[in-house]
């Protein structure tokens, strides 16, 4: 029997949170474990939450300009309507996270681990995922001006009804990465596309770029 070679989809389950306890910005601190909290309408701008762990929490309508989440851990956490012109989440861990309806300018998530994460209905100016590991991640209905995936290791990642103004893939390692639902303005480092899935229209549109990358001269 011939084994199917179809692109595998991200394996995701809906996040169900138990009864949560209302919390305020003052209840949060760096390097602390926060569990079962609901934070609504809070302003976390400028807060240092480095190394903090959020388990079974929700953040609703939160402002987080220049909030520091370096080495933070987000586990089974829902984030809705987040407003963050600049957010530093370098070397953070995201597992079973839902991020929706948010507006983030620069999301620096360099060298992070993202697993079983769903990102929907959100806008980003820049996402820096350099050297990160992504597994079972879905982007849906998102606009990303600059998406930097240089050096990532990505498995079962998909884009649905998304747009990226530019996509960087230098030294990326991709497996079952579905780009068919991603409108791409420009791509750099085409050698990093190995392991990605494109549709026929995308391949046709990108043909001149592929030809230029391979040194092929096309004359009609």
N, C-alpha and C. Protein backbone atom coordinates (compact mmCIF):
# COMPACT_ATOMS: atom_id res chain seq x y z
N UNK A 1 0.84 -1.20 0.00
CA UNK A 1 0.00 0.00 0.00
C UNK A 1 0.87 1.24 0.00
N UNK A 2 0.54 2.18 -0.88
CA UNK A 2 1.33 3.39 -0.98
C UNK A 2 0.98 4.35 0.15
N UNK A 3 1.96 4.84 0.83
CA UNK A 3 1.75 5.75 1.94
C UNK A 3 1.40 7.15 1.44
N UNK A 4 0.40 7.79 2.06
CA UNK A 4 -0.02 9.13 1.66
C UNK A 4 1.09 10.14 1.92
N UNK A 5 1.24 11.05 0.95
CA UNK A 5 2.25 12.09 1.11
C UNK A 5 1.61 13.47 1.28
N UNK A 6 0.31 13.50 1.57
CA UNK A 6 -0.38 14.77 1.76
C UNK A 6 0.22 15.53 2.94
N UNK A 7 0.21 16.86 2.82
CA UNK A 7 0.74 17.69 3.89
C UNK A 7 -0.09 17.51 5.16
N UNK A 8 0.59 17.24 6.25
CA UNK A 8 -0.11 17.02 7.52
C UNK A 8 -0.51 18.36 8.14
N UNK A 9 -1.73 18.41 8.68
CA UNK A 9 -2.24 19.62 9.31
C UNK A 9 -1.78 19.70 10.76
N UNK A 10 -1.77 20.92 11.32
CA UNK A 10 -1.47 21.06 12.74
C UNK A 10 -2.48 20.29 13.59
N UNK A 11 -2.01 19.65 14.61
CA UNK A 11 -2.87 18.92 15.54
C UNK A 11 -3.19 19.85 16.70
N UNK A 12 -4.45 20.30 16.76
CA UNK A 12 -4.86 21.28 17.75
C UNK A 12 -6.17 20.86 18.39
N UNK A 13 -6.35 21.24 19.65
CA UNK A 13 -7.62 21.03 20.34
C UNK A 13 -8.06 22.36 20.94
N UNK A 14 -9.37 22.54 21.05
CA UNK A 14 -9.90 23.77 21.61
C UNK A 14 -9.52 23.91 23.08
N UNK A 15 -9.18 25.13 23.44
CA UNK A 15 -8.77 25.41 24.82
C UNK A 15 -10.01 25.62 25.69
N UNK A 16 -10.13 24.83 26.73
CA UNK A 16 -11.23 24.95 27.68
C UNK A 16 -10.64 25.29 29.05
N UNK A 17 -11.03 26.47 29.57
CA UNK A 17 -10.49 26.92 30.85
C UNK A 17 -11.53 26.72 31.95
N UNK A 18 -11.07 26.35 33.14
CA UNK A 18 -11.99 26.19 34.28
C UNK A 18 -12.38 27.56 34.83
N UNK A 19 -13.14 27.58 35.91
CA UNK A 19 -13.48 28.84 36.55
C UNK A 19 -12.23 29.60 36.94
N UNK A 20 -12.15 30.85 36.50
CA UNK A 20 -10.93 31.64 36.72
C UNK A 20 -11.17 32.71 37.77
N UNK A 21 -10.10 33.09 38.43
CA UNK A 21 -10.15 34.12 39.47
C UNK A 21 -9.75 35.46 38.88
N UNK A 22 -10.58 36.51 39.04
CA UNK A 22 -10.21 37.84 38.53
C UNK A 22 -8.90 38.31 39.14
N UNK A 23 -8.07 38.96 38.31
CA UNK A 23 -6.78 39.44 38.78
C UNK A 23 -6.52 40.83 38.22
N UNK A 24 -5.54 41.51 38.79
CA UNK A 24 -5.13 42.85 38.36
C UNK A 24 -3.66 42.82 38.00
N UNK A 25 -3.19 43.87 37.33
CA UNK A 25 -1.79 43.93 36.91
C UNK A 25 -0.84 43.79 38.09
N UNK A 26 -1.22 44.34 39.25
CA UNK A 26 -0.36 44.28 40.43
C UNK A 26 -0.19 42.86 40.96
N UNK A 27 -1.06 41.93 40.52
CA UNK A 27 -0.95 40.55 40.99
C UNK A 27 0.12 39.77 40.26
N UNK A 28 0.67 40.34 39.19
CA UNK A 28 1.64 39.64 38.37
C UNK A 28 3.06 40.07 38.71
N UNK A 29 3.98 39.12 38.61
CA UNK A 29 5.38 39.43 38.92
C UNK A 29 6.30 38.52 38.11
N UNK A 30 7.50 38.99 37.89
CA UNK A 30 8.50 38.20 37.19
C UNK A 30 8.85 36.95 37.99
N UNK A 31 9.15 35.87 37.28
CA UNK A 31 9.62 34.62 37.87
C UNK A 31 8.62 34.00 38.84
N UNK A 32 7.34 34.37 38.74
CA UNK A 32 6.30 33.78 39.57
C UNK A 32 5.39 32.90 38.72
N UNK A 33 4.71 31.95 39.38
CA UNK A 33 3.79 31.06 38.70
C UNK A 33 2.37 31.56 38.93
N UNK A 34 1.68 31.93 37.85
CA UNK A 34 0.32 32.45 37.93
C UNK A 34 -0.61 31.42 37.31
N UNK A 35 -1.59 30.97 38.06
CA UNK A 35 -2.46 29.89 37.60
C UNK A 35 -3.92 30.25 37.83
N UNK A 36 -4.75 29.96 36.81
CA UNK A 36 -6.18 30.13 36.94
C UNK A 36 -6.64 31.56 37.10
N UNK A 37 -5.95 32.51 36.44
CA UNK A 37 -6.27 33.93 36.59
C UNK A 37 -6.93 34.48 35.32
N UNK A 38 -7.82 35.44 35.51
CA UNK A 38 -8.43 36.17 34.40
C UNK A 38 -8.10 37.64 34.56
N UNK A 39 -7.37 38.18 33.58
CA UNK A 39 -6.94 39.58 33.62
C UNK A 39 -7.64 40.30 32.49
N UNK A 40 -8.49 41.28 32.81
CA UNK A 40 -9.29 41.95 31.79
C UNK A 40 -9.08 43.46 31.85
N UNK A 41 -8.75 44.04 30.68
CA UNK A 41 -8.62 45.48 30.57
C UNK A 41 -7.44 46.07 31.30
N UNK A 42 -6.47 45.29 31.65
CA UNK A 42 -5.32 45.78 32.42
C UNK A 42 -4.27 46.41 31.51
N UNK A 43 -3.46 47.27 32.10
CA UNK A 43 -2.35 47.89 31.38
C UNK A 43 -1.04 47.34 31.95
N UNK A 44 -0.38 46.51 31.15
CA UNK A 44 0.89 45.91 31.57
C UNK A 44 2.08 46.59 30.91
N UNK A 45 1.87 47.78 30.36
CA UNK A 45 2.94 48.47 29.64
C UNK A 45 4.16 48.68 30.55
N UNK A 46 5.32 48.30 30.02
CA UNK A 46 6.55 48.49 30.76
C UNK A 46 6.81 47.48 31.86
N UNK A 47 5.90 46.55 32.08
CA UNK A 47 6.07 45.57 33.16
C UNK A 47 7.13 44.53 32.78
N UNK A 48 7.92 44.15 33.75
CA UNK A 48 8.91 43.10 33.56
C UNK A 48 8.33 41.80 34.12
N UNK A 49 7.93 40.92 33.22
CA UNK A 49 7.39 39.62 33.62
C UNK A 49 8.31 38.49 33.16
N UNK A 50 9.59 38.79 33.12
CA UNK A 50 10.57 37.80 32.70
C UNK A 50 10.46 36.54 33.56
N UNK A 51 10.49 35.39 32.91
CA UNK A 51 10.49 34.13 33.63
C UNK A 51 9.17 33.77 34.28
N UNK A 52 8.13 34.57 34.09
CA UNK A 52 6.83 34.25 34.69
C UNK A 52 6.19 33.09 33.95
N UNK A 53 5.37 32.32 34.68
CA UNK A 53 4.63 31.22 34.09
C UNK A 53 3.14 31.50 34.24
N UNK A 54 2.40 31.38 33.13
CA UNK A 54 0.95 31.54 33.14
C UNK A 54 0.34 30.19 32.74
N UNK A 55 -0.41 29.60 33.64
CA UNK A 55 -1.05 28.31 33.39
C UNK A 55 -2.56 28.45 33.56
N UNK A 56 -3.32 28.03 32.54
CA UNK A 56 -4.77 28.12 32.56
C UNK A 56 -5.23 29.54 32.93
N UNK A 57 -4.72 30.51 32.17
CA UNK A 57 -5.06 31.92 32.40
C UNK A 57 -5.69 32.50 31.15
N UNK A 58 -6.32 33.67 31.29
CA UNK A 58 -6.80 34.41 30.14
C UNK A 58 -6.48 35.88 30.33
N UNK A 59 -6.08 36.53 29.23
CA UNK A 59 -5.80 37.95 29.21
C UNK A 59 -6.70 38.57 28.16
N UNK A 60 -7.63 39.42 28.59
CA UNK A 60 -8.64 39.96 27.70
C UNK A 60 -8.52 41.48 27.63
N UNK A 61 -8.38 42.04 26.43
CA UNK A 61 -8.32 43.48 26.26
C UNK A 61 -7.17 44.13 27.01
N UNK A 62 -6.04 43.44 27.06
CA UNK A 62 -4.88 43.93 27.81
C UNK A 62 -3.97 44.75 26.91
N UNK A 63 -3.40 45.82 27.45
CA UNK A 63 -2.38 46.62 26.77
C UNK A 63 -1.01 46.20 27.31
N UNK A 64 -0.07 45.94 26.42
CA UNK A 64 1.22 45.41 26.86
C UNK A 64 2.37 46.03 26.08
N UNK A 65 2.41 47.36 25.99
CA UNK A 65 3.48 48.03 25.26
C UNK A 65 4.80 47.91 26.02
N UNK A 66 5.82 47.39 25.34
CA UNK A 66 7.16 47.24 25.91
C UNK A 66 7.16 46.34 27.14
N UNK A 67 6.16 45.46 27.24
CA UNK A 67 6.16 44.45 28.30
C UNK A 67 7.24 43.42 28.01
N UNK A 68 7.93 42.97 29.04
CA UNK A 68 9.02 42.02 28.87
C UNK A 68 8.55 40.63 29.31
N UNK A 69 8.55 39.71 28.37
CA UNK A 69 8.16 38.32 28.65
C UNK A 69 9.29 37.36 28.31
N UNK A 70 10.51 37.83 28.45
CA UNK A 70 11.66 36.97 28.15
C UNK A 70 11.63 35.74 29.06
N UNK A 71 11.82 34.56 28.44
CA UNK A 71 11.85 33.28 29.17
C UNK A 71 10.53 32.97 29.88
N UNK A 72 9.46 33.68 29.54
CA UNK A 72 8.16 33.40 30.15
C UNK A 72 7.58 32.10 29.57
N UNK A 73 6.64 31.51 30.30
CA UNK A 73 5.98 30.28 29.86
C UNK A 73 4.47 30.52 29.85
N UNK A 74 3.85 30.35 28.68
CA UNK A 74 2.41 30.47 28.53
C UNK A 74 1.86 29.09 28.24
N UNK A 75 1.12 28.53 29.20
CA UNK A 75 0.62 27.16 29.10
C UNK A 75 -0.90 27.18 29.23
N UNK A 76 -1.58 26.62 28.25
CA UNK A 76 -3.05 26.57 28.27
C UNK A 76 -3.62 27.94 28.64
N UNK A 77 -3.29 28.92 27.83
CA UNK A 77 -3.65 30.32 28.10
C UNK A 77 -4.31 30.94 26.87
N UNK A 78 -5.33 31.73 27.13
CA UNK A 78 -6.06 32.43 26.06
C UNK A 78 -5.76 33.93 26.14
N UNK A 79 -5.44 34.52 24.99
CA UNK A 79 -5.17 35.96 24.91
C UNK A 79 -6.06 36.54 23.83
N UNK A 80 -6.90 37.50 24.21
CA UNK A 80 -7.81 38.13 23.25
C UNK A 80 -7.65 39.64 23.29
N UNK A 81 -7.69 40.26 22.11
CA UNK A 81 -7.69 41.72 21.97
C UNK A 81 -6.48 42.35 22.68
N UNK A 82 -5.34 41.75 22.49
CA UNK A 82 -4.10 42.29 23.05
C UNK A 82 -3.62 43.45 22.19
N UNK A 83 -3.25 44.54 22.82
CA UNK A 83 -2.68 45.70 22.12
C UNK A 83 -1.25 45.89 22.61
N UNK A 84 -0.30 45.68 21.71
CA UNK A 84 1.10 45.74 22.13
C UNK A 84 1.95 46.28 20.98
N UNK A 85 2.23 47.58 20.95
CA UNK A 85 3.10 48.12 19.89
C UNK A 85 4.46 47.44 19.84
N UNK A 86 5.02 47.10 21.01
CA UNK A 86 6.29 46.37 21.07
C UNK A 86 6.17 45.35 22.19
N UNK A 87 6.47 44.08 21.88
CA UNK A 87 6.38 43.02 22.89
C UNK A 87 7.61 42.13 22.78
N UNK A 88 8.34 42.01 23.88
CA UNK A 88 9.57 41.21 23.92
C UNK A 88 9.28 39.87 24.59
N UNK A 89 9.16 38.83 23.76
CA UNK A 89 8.90 37.49 24.28
C UNK A 89 10.02 36.54 23.86
N UNK A 90 11.23 37.03 23.80
CA UNK A 90 12.36 36.20 23.38
C UNK A 90 12.55 35.03 24.34
N UNK A 91 12.86 33.88 23.73
CA UNK A 91 13.13 32.65 24.47
C UNK A 91 11.96 32.24 25.39
N UNK A 92 10.77 32.59 24.97
CA UNK A 92 9.58 32.20 25.74
C UNK A 92 9.07 30.85 25.24
N UNK A 93 8.15 30.26 26.01
CA UNK A 93 7.55 28.98 25.66
C UNK A 93 6.03 29.16 25.59
N UNK A 94 5.44 28.75 24.45
CA UNK A 94 3.99 28.81 24.26
C UNK A 94 3.49 27.39 24.02
N UNK A 95 2.58 26.93 24.84
CA UNK A 95 2.02 25.59 24.65
C UNK A 95 0.52 25.62 24.91
N UNK A 96 -0.25 25.17 23.94
CA UNK A 96 -1.72 25.20 24.04
C UNK A 96 -2.19 26.62 24.32
N UNK A 97 -1.81 27.54 23.43
CA UNK A 97 -2.15 28.96 23.57
C UNK A 97 -3.08 29.37 22.42
N UNK A 98 -4.04 30.23 22.72
CA UNK A 98 -4.89 30.84 21.71
C UNK A 98 -4.72 32.36 21.78
N UNK A 99 -4.29 32.95 20.67
CA UNK A 99 -4.13 34.41 20.56
C UNK A 99 -5.07 34.88 19.46
N UNK A 100 -6.00 35.79 19.78
CA UNK A 100 -6.98 36.19 18.78
C UNK A 100 -7.30 37.68 18.90
N UNK A 101 -7.76 38.23 17.76
CA UNK A 101 -8.25 39.60 17.72
C UNK A 101 -7.29 40.64 18.25
N UNK A 102 -6.00 40.44 18.04
CA UNK A 102 -4.99 41.30 18.65
C UNK A 102 -4.27 42.16 17.62
N UNK A 103 -3.67 43.23 18.12
CA UNK A 103 -2.87 44.14 17.29
C UNK A 103 -1.51 44.29 17.94
N UNK A 104 -0.50 43.73 17.30
CA UNK A 104 0.86 43.76 17.84
C UNK A 104 1.78 44.36 16.79
N UNK A 105 2.52 45.38 17.18
CA UNK A 105 3.46 45.99 16.25
C UNK A 105 4.65 45.07 16.02
N UNK A 106 5.62 45.13 16.89
CA UNK A 106 6.82 44.29 16.78
C UNK A 106 6.76 43.20 17.85
N UNK A 107 6.63 41.96 17.41
CA UNK A 107 6.63 40.81 18.32
C UNK A 107 7.97 40.10 18.17
N UNK A 108 8.81 40.26 19.18
CA UNK A 108 10.13 39.64 19.17
C UNK A 108 10.03 38.34 19.95
N UNK A 109 10.00 37.23 19.23
CA UNK A 109 9.83 35.93 19.86
C UNK A 109 10.97 35.01 19.42
N UNK A 110 12.15 35.60 19.35
CA UNK A 110 13.38 34.93 18.93
C UNK A 110 13.70 33.75 19.85
N UNK A 111 14.16 32.65 19.25
CA UNK A 111 14.65 31.49 20.01
C UNK A 111 13.60 30.97 21.00
N UNK A 112 12.34 30.93 20.55
CA UNK A 112 11.25 30.51 21.43
C UNK A 112 10.78 29.11 21.04
N UNK A 113 9.91 28.56 21.88
CA UNK A 113 9.27 27.28 21.59
C UNK A 113 7.77 27.48 21.53
N UNK A 114 7.16 27.15 20.40
CA UNK A 114 5.72 27.36 20.22
C UNK A 114 5.10 26.04 19.78
N UNK A 115 4.19 25.53 20.60
CA UNK A 115 3.60 24.23 20.32
C UNK A 115 2.09 24.29 20.56
N UNK A 116 1.34 23.65 19.67
CA UNK A 116 -0.12 23.59 19.80
C UNK A 116 -0.71 24.98 20.05
N UNK A 117 -0.42 25.89 19.14
CA UNK A 117 -0.82 27.29 19.30
C UNK A 117 -1.63 27.75 18.09
N UNK A 118 -2.71 28.47 18.38
CA UNK A 118 -3.60 28.98 17.34
C UNK A 118 -3.60 30.51 17.41
N UNK A 119 -3.27 31.18 16.29
CA UNK A 119 -3.23 32.64 16.23
C UNK A 119 -4.22 33.07 15.15
N UNK A 120 -5.27 33.81 15.55
CA UNK A 120 -6.34 34.12 14.61
C UNK A 120 -6.71 35.60 14.66
N UNK A 121 -7.16 36.11 13.52
CA UNK A 121 -7.73 37.45 13.44
C UNK A 121 -6.86 38.55 13.99
N UNK A 122 -5.56 38.48 13.77
CA UNK A 122 -4.64 39.45 14.38
C UNK A 122 -3.75 40.10 13.33
N UNK A 123 -3.23 41.28 13.68
CA UNK A 123 -2.36 42.03 12.79
C UNK A 123 -1.01 42.27 13.45
N UNK A 124 0.04 42.13 12.66
CA UNK A 124 1.40 42.31 13.14
C UNK A 124 2.19 43.14 12.13
N UNK A 125 3.03 44.04 12.63
CA UNK A 125 3.96 44.73 11.73
C UNK A 125 5.18 43.85 11.47
N UNK A 126 5.60 43.14 12.50
CA UNK A 126 6.83 42.33 12.39
C UNK A 126 6.77 41.21 13.41
N UNK A 127 7.04 40.01 12.96
CA UNK A 127 7.20 38.87 13.88
C UNK A 127 8.59 38.30 13.66
N UNK A 128 9.37 38.30 14.72
CA UNK A 128 10.72 37.74 14.67
C UNK A 128 10.72 36.39 15.36
N UNK A 129 10.64 35.32 14.57
CA UNK A 129 10.67 33.95 15.11
C UNK A 129 12.00 33.26 14.82
N UNK A 130 13.02 34.04 14.62
CA UNK A 130 14.32 33.47 14.28
C UNK A 130 14.76 32.41 15.30
N UNK A 131 15.25 31.30 14.79
CA UNK A 131 15.82 30.22 15.62
C UNK A 131 14.81 29.59 16.57
N UNK A 132 13.52 29.80 16.31
CA UNK A 132 12.50 29.22 17.18
C UNK A 132 12.10 27.83 16.67
N UNK A 133 11.43 27.08 17.55
CA UNK A 133 10.89 25.77 17.20
C UNK A 133 9.37 25.85 17.23
N UNK A 134 8.73 25.52 16.10
CA UNK A 134 7.28 25.58 15.98
C UNK A 134 6.75 24.19 15.67
N UNK A 135 5.75 23.77 16.42
CA UNK A 135 5.14 22.47 16.19
C UNK A 135 3.63 22.58 16.40
N UNK A 136 2.86 22.20 15.39
CA UNK A 136 1.40 22.28 15.45
C UNK A 136 0.96 23.71 15.75
N UNK A 137 1.21 24.60 14.78
CA UNK A 137 0.87 26.02 14.91
C UNK A 137 0.00 26.43 13.72
N UNK A 138 -1.08 27.16 14.00
CA UNK A 138 -1.97 27.63 12.97
C UNK A 138 -2.11 29.14 13.02
N UNK A 139 -1.88 29.81 11.88
CA UNK A 139 -2.16 31.22 11.70
C UNK A 139 -3.39 31.32 10.81
N UNK A 140 -4.42 32.02 11.27
CA UNK A 140 -5.64 32.13 10.50
C UNK A 140 -6.16 33.57 10.52
N UNK A 141 -6.50 34.08 9.33
CA UNK A 141 -7.03 35.45 9.19
C UNK A 141 -6.09 36.48 9.81
N UNK A 142 -4.81 36.37 9.50
CA UNK A 142 -3.81 37.28 10.06
C UNK A 142 -3.11 38.06 8.94
N UNK A 143 -2.71 39.28 9.28
CA UNK A 143 -1.89 40.10 8.39
C UNK A 143 -0.57 40.37 9.08
N UNK A 144 0.52 40.06 8.38
CA UNK A 144 1.86 40.20 8.94
C UNK A 144 2.70 40.96 7.91
N UNK A 145 3.16 42.13 8.26
CA UNK A 145 3.95 42.90 7.30
C UNK A 145 5.31 42.24 7.04
N UNK A 146 6.00 41.84 8.11
CA UNK A 146 7.30 41.17 7.97
C UNK A 146 7.31 39.93 8.86
N UNK A 147 7.53 38.78 8.24
CA UNK A 147 7.58 37.51 8.96
C UNK A 147 8.97 36.90 8.80
N UNK A 148 9.71 36.84 9.89
CA UNK A 148 11.09 36.34 9.84
C UNK A 148 11.13 34.95 10.46
N UNK A 149 11.31 33.96 9.59
CA UNK A 149 11.40 32.56 10.03
C UNK A 149 12.81 32.01 9.82
N UNK A 150 13.79 32.88 9.78
CA UNK A 150 15.17 32.43 9.57
C UNK A 150 15.60 31.51 10.71
N UNK A 151 16.14 30.36 10.33
CA UNK A 151 16.68 29.44 11.33
C UNK A 151 15.64 28.67 12.12
N UNK A 152 14.36 28.76 11.75
CA UNK A 152 13.34 28.05 12.51
C UNK A 152 13.38 26.56 12.18
N UNK A 153 12.87 25.78 13.12
CA UNK A 153 12.55 24.38 12.88
C UNK A 153 11.04 24.27 13.04
N UNK A 154 10.33 24.04 11.94
CA UNK A 154 8.87 24.10 11.96
C UNK A 154 8.27 22.79 11.44
N UNK A 155 7.32 22.26 12.20
CA UNK A 155 6.64 21.02 11.86
C UNK A 155 5.13 21.20 12.00
N UNK A 156 4.41 20.87 10.97
CA UNK A 156 2.94 20.99 10.96
C UNK A 156 2.52 22.41 11.34
N UNK A 157 2.89 23.33 10.47
CA UNK A 157 2.51 24.75 10.61
C UNK A 157 1.69 25.12 9.39
N UNK A 158 0.57 25.81 9.59
CA UNK A 158 -0.30 26.15 8.47
C UNK A 158 -0.77 27.59 8.56
N UNK A 159 -1.03 28.17 7.38
CA UNK A 159 -1.58 29.52 7.27
C UNK A 159 -2.89 29.43 6.50
N UNK A 160 -3.94 30.06 7.03
CA UNK A 160 -5.25 30.06 6.38
C UNK A 160 -5.71 31.51 6.25
N UNK A 161 -5.93 31.95 5.01
CA UNK A 161 -6.42 33.31 4.75
C UNK A 161 -5.52 34.36 5.41
N UNK A 162 -4.23 34.25 5.18
CA UNK A 162 -3.26 35.18 5.78
C UNK A 162 -2.47 35.89 4.67
N UNK A 163 -1.83 36.99 5.07
CA UNK A 163 -0.98 37.72 4.15
C UNK A 163 0.30 38.12 4.85
N UNK A 164 1.43 37.96 4.16
CA UNK A 164 2.72 38.42 4.66
C UNK A 164 3.35 39.33 3.60
N UNK A 165 3.69 40.55 3.98
CA UNK A 165 4.33 41.45 3.04
C UNK A 165 5.69 40.93 2.61
N UNK A 166 6.43 40.36 3.56
CA UNK A 166 7.71 39.75 3.24
C UNK A 166 7.93 38.54 4.14
N UNK A 167 8.62 37.54 3.60
CA UNK A 167 8.88 36.30 4.32
C UNK A 167 10.35 35.95 4.19
N UNK A 168 11.04 35.79 5.33
CA UNK A 168 12.46 35.41 5.34
C UNK A 168 12.60 33.98 5.84
N UNK A 169 13.38 33.16 5.11
CA UNK A 169 13.47 31.73 5.42
C UNK A 169 14.91 31.23 5.46
N UNK A 170 15.87 32.09 5.69
CA UNK A 170 17.27 31.66 5.69
C UNK A 170 17.50 30.54 6.70
N UNK A 171 18.08 29.44 6.23
CA UNK A 171 18.47 28.32 7.09
C UNK A 171 17.29 27.71 7.85
N UNK A 172 16.09 27.85 7.31
CA UNK A 172 14.92 27.26 7.95
C UNK A 172 14.86 25.75 7.66
N UNK A 173 14.31 25.01 8.62
CA UNK A 173 14.09 23.57 8.46
C UNK A 173 12.59 23.34 8.58
N UNK A 174 11.94 23.02 7.45
CA UNK A 174 10.49 22.93 7.40
C UNK A 174 10.04 21.51 7.11
N UNK A 175 8.96 21.11 7.77
CA UNK A 175 8.32 19.82 7.50
C UNK A 175 6.82 20.00 7.66
N UNK A 176 6.07 19.69 6.61
CA UNK A 176 4.61 19.86 6.62
C UNK A 176 4.24 21.30 6.99
N UNK A 177 4.88 22.25 6.33
CA UNK A 177 4.56 23.66 6.52
C UNK A 177 3.73 24.10 5.32
N UNK A 178 2.46 24.40 5.56
CA UNK A 178 1.50 24.67 4.50
C UNK A 178 1.36 26.17 4.28
N UNK A 179 1.91 26.65 3.17
CA UNK A 179 1.88 28.07 2.83
C UNK A 179 0.79 28.39 1.81
N UNK A 180 -0.08 27.44 1.51
CA UNK A 180 -1.09 27.67 0.47
C UNK A 180 -2.07 28.76 0.85
N UNK A 181 -2.29 28.97 2.11
CA UNK A 181 -3.22 30.00 2.56
C UNK A 181 -2.54 31.29 2.94
N UNK A 182 -1.30 31.48 2.47
CA UNK A 182 -0.53 32.68 2.78
C UNK A 182 -0.22 33.45 1.50
N UNK A 183 -0.78 34.64 1.38
CA UNK A 183 -0.42 35.53 0.27
C UNK A 183 0.91 36.18 0.61
N UNK A 184 1.90 36.00 -0.24
CA UNK A 184 3.26 36.42 0.06
C UNK A 184 3.67 37.54 -0.89
N UNK A 185 4.09 38.66 -0.33
CA UNK A 185 4.53 39.77 -1.16
C UNK A 185 5.92 39.54 -1.72
N UNK A 186 6.85 39.15 -0.85
CA UNK A 186 8.24 38.92 -1.27
C UNK A 186 8.85 37.84 -0.39
N UNK A 187 9.73 37.04 -0.99
CA UNK A 187 10.41 35.97 -0.26
C UNK A 187 11.91 36.14 -0.41
N UNK A 188 12.63 36.00 0.68
CA UNK A 188 14.09 35.97 0.62
C UNK A 188 14.57 34.61 1.09
N UNK A 189 15.74 34.21 0.61
CA UNK A 189 16.35 32.94 1.00
C UNK A 189 15.48 31.76 0.59
N UNK A 190 15.27 31.62 -0.71
CA UNK A 190 14.39 30.57 -1.23
C UNK A 190 14.86 29.17 -0.86
N UNK A 191 16.15 28.99 -0.60
CA UNK A 191 16.63 27.65 -0.26
C UNK A 191 15.98 27.13 1.02
N UNK A 192 15.44 28.05 1.83
CA UNK A 192 14.79 27.64 3.07
C UNK A 192 13.38 27.13 2.87
N UNK A 193 12.87 27.12 1.63
CA UNK A 193 11.49 26.69 1.39
C UNK A 193 11.33 25.19 1.29
N UNK A 194 12.40 24.45 1.29
CA UNK A 194 12.30 23.00 1.22
C UNK A 194 11.45 22.49 2.39
N UNK A 195 10.46 21.67 2.07
CA UNK A 195 9.55 21.17 3.11
C UNK A 195 8.26 21.94 3.21
N UNK A 196 8.13 23.02 2.41
CA UNK A 196 6.90 23.82 2.41
C UNK A 196 5.98 23.33 1.29
N UNK A 197 4.68 23.61 1.45
CA UNK A 197 3.69 23.27 0.44
C UNK A 197 3.10 24.55 -0.14
N UNK A 198 3.11 24.65 -1.49
CA UNK A 198 2.52 25.77 -2.21
C UNK A 198 1.45 25.25 -3.15
N UNK A 199 0.54 26.15 -3.55
CA UNK A 199 -0.42 25.75 -4.56
C UNK A 199 0.10 26.14 -5.95
N UNK A 200 -0.62 25.71 -6.98
CA UNK A 200 -0.18 25.94 -8.35
C UNK A 200 -0.06 27.42 -8.68
N UNK A 201 -1.03 28.21 -8.21
CA UNK A 201 -1.00 29.64 -8.49
C UNK A 201 0.22 30.30 -7.86
N UNK A 202 0.54 29.90 -6.64
CA UNK A 202 1.72 30.48 -5.97
C UNK A 202 3.00 30.13 -6.73
N UNK A 203 3.09 28.89 -7.16
CA UNK A 203 4.29 28.48 -7.90
C UNK A 203 4.41 29.27 -9.19
N UNK A 204 3.29 29.48 -9.87
CA UNK A 204 3.31 30.26 -11.11
C UNK A 204 3.73 31.70 -10.85
N UNK A 205 3.18 32.29 -9.80
CA UNK A 205 3.51 33.68 -9.46
C UNK A 205 4.98 33.82 -9.08
N UNK A 206 5.49 32.82 -8.39
CA UNK A 206 6.87 32.89 -7.90
C UNK A 206 7.89 32.35 -8.90
N UNK A 207 7.42 31.88 -10.05
CA UNK A 207 8.34 31.28 -11.03
C UNK A 207 9.51 32.18 -11.39
N UNK A 208 9.30 33.50 -11.65
CA UNK A 208 10.45 34.35 -11.96
C UNK A 208 11.45 34.43 -10.80
N UNK A 209 10.94 34.40 -9.59
CA UNK A 209 11.83 34.45 -8.43
C UNK A 209 12.65 33.16 -8.35
N UNK A 210 11.98 32.01 -8.54
CA UNK A 210 12.69 30.73 -8.52
C UNK A 210 13.75 30.69 -9.63
N UNK A 211 13.37 31.18 -10.82
CA UNK A 211 14.30 31.16 -11.94
C UNK A 211 15.53 32.03 -11.65
N UNK A 212 15.28 33.21 -11.08
CA UNK A 212 16.39 34.09 -10.75
C UNK A 212 17.30 33.47 -9.69
N UNK A 213 16.70 32.77 -8.73
CA UNK A 213 17.47 32.14 -7.66
C UNK A 213 18.36 31.03 -8.22
N UNK A 214 17.85 30.31 -9.23
CA UNK A 214 18.58 29.19 -9.81
C UNK A 214 19.49 29.61 -10.97
N UNK A 215 19.44 30.90 -11.29
CA UNK A 215 20.27 31.38 -12.40
C UNK A 215 19.75 31.01 -13.76
N UNK A 216 18.44 30.79 -13.85
CA UNK A 216 17.82 30.41 -15.13
C UNK A 216 17.38 31.67 -15.88
N UNK A 217 17.72 31.73 -17.15
CA UNK A 217 17.28 32.83 -17.99
C UNK A 217 16.08 32.37 -18.79
N UNK A 218 14.98 33.10 -18.66
CA UNK A 218 13.74 32.75 -19.37
C UNK A 218 13.54 33.73 -20.51
N UNK A 219 13.46 33.20 -21.72
CA UNK A 219 13.23 34.05 -22.89
C UNK A 219 12.02 33.50 -23.66
N UNK A 220 11.06 34.37 -23.96
CA UNK A 220 9.87 33.92 -24.67
C UNK A 220 9.90 34.33 -26.13
